[in-house]
């Protein structure tokens, strides 16, 4: 279950931060809307790495692709 706390709970920030674990972020709401997420730094790093990989894959998909069989045929036939 998601841990949702009001932003005002940060007054006791050590108690809030001690509850942040990998896979268990704490979401902070302000004026009835979710505004912030407190996540474990290792989990954040994994997220950023995965996002970078997705961007690289998207860029690679836009590049010209070569057919291996056609190249092999050109080289060896």
Protein backbone atom coordinates (compact mmCIF):
# COMPACT_ATOMS: atom_id res chain seq x y z
CA UNK A 1 0.00 0.00 0.00
CA UNK A 2 1.27 3.45 -0.89
CA UNK A 3 2.49 5.66 1.90
CA UNK A 4 0.88 9.06 1.42
CA UNK A 5 1.61 11.86 3.83
CA UNK A 6 0.87 15.58 3.84
CA UNK A 7 3.78 17.89 3.10
CA UNK A 8 3.44 19.21 6.64
CA UNK A 9 4.67 15.81 7.88
CA UNK A 10 8.15 16.94 6.83
CA UNK A 11 8.28 18.98 10.03
CA UNK A 12 9.43 15.69 11.52
CA UNK A 13 11.56 14.85 8.48
CA UNK A 14 13.75 12.25 10.21
CA UNK A 15 10.70 10.12 11.03
CA UNK A 16 9.48 10.41 7.42
CA UNK A 17 12.87 9.72 5.82
CA UNK A 18 13.46 6.69 8.03
CA UNK A 19 10.37 5.08 6.46
CA UNK A 20 11.62 5.46 2.87
CA UNK A 21 12.84 2.05 1.70
CA UNK A 22 13.62 0.55 -1.69
CA UNK A 23 10.29 -0.26 -3.28
CA UNK A 24 8.44 1.77 -0.65
CA UNK A 25 8.47 5.45 -1.60
CA UNK A 26 6.56 8.04 0.35
CA UNK A 27 4.29 10.34 -1.58
CA UNK A 28 3.60 13.82 -0.29
CA UNK A 29 0.41 15.66 -1.03
CA UNK A 30 -0.21 19.36 -0.93
CA UNK A 31 -3.60 21.00 -1.25
CA UNK A 32 -5.17 17.59 -1.80
CA UNK A 33 -2.92 16.66 -4.74
CA UNK A 34 0.10 14.40 -4.91
CA UNK A 35 3.11 16.65 -5.50
CA UNK A 36 6.30 14.87 -4.44
CA UNK A 37 7.82 11.42 -4.12
CA UNK A 38 10.57 10.48 -1.68
CA UNK A 39 12.45 7.47 -3.00
CA UNK A 40 15.48 5.47 -1.99
CA UNK A 41 18.54 6.83 -3.84
CA UNK A 42 19.45 3.39 -5.25
CA UNK A 43 15.95 3.03 -6.64
CA UNK A 44 16.19 6.53 -8.13
CA UNK A 45 19.53 5.64 -9.74
CA UNK A 46 18.01 2.48 -11.26
CA UNK A 47 15.11 4.55 -12.60
CA UNK A 48 17.43 7.12 -14.20
CA UNK A 49 19.58 4.34 -15.71
CA UNK A 50 16.50 2.61 -17.14
CA UNK A 51 15.21 5.91 -18.53
CA UNK A 52 18.57 6.56 -20.20
CA UNK A 53 18.51 3.07 -21.72
CA UNK A 54 15.01 3.65 -23.10
CA UNK A 55 16.14 6.94 -24.66
CA UNK A 56 19.13 5.22 -26.26
CA UNK A 57 16.93 2.42 -27.61
CA UNK A 58 14.51 4.96 -29.05
CA UNK A 59 17.38 6.79 -30.73
CA UNK A 60 18.80 3.52 -32.06
CA UNK A 61 15.41 2.54 -33.47
CA UNK A 62 15.41 5.75 -35.50
CA UNK A 63 18.75 4.92 -37.14
CA UNK A 64 19.07 3.13 -40.46
CA UNK A 65 19.05 -0.63 -40.00
CA UNK A 66 20.97 -3.12 -42.07
CA UNK A 67 19.82 -6.59 -42.95
CA UNK A 68 22.45 -9.08 -41.74
CA UNK A 69 21.53 -11.64 -44.40
CA UNK A 70 21.90 -9.06 -47.18
CA UNK A 71 25.30 -7.94 -45.87
CA UNK A 72 26.44 -11.56 -45.52
CA UNK A 73 25.33 -12.29 -49.08
CA UNK A 74 27.20 -9.23 -50.40
CA UNK A 75 30.36 -10.25 -48.56
CA UNK A 76 30.45 -13.97 -49.25
CA UNK A 77 28.60 -14.51 -52.51
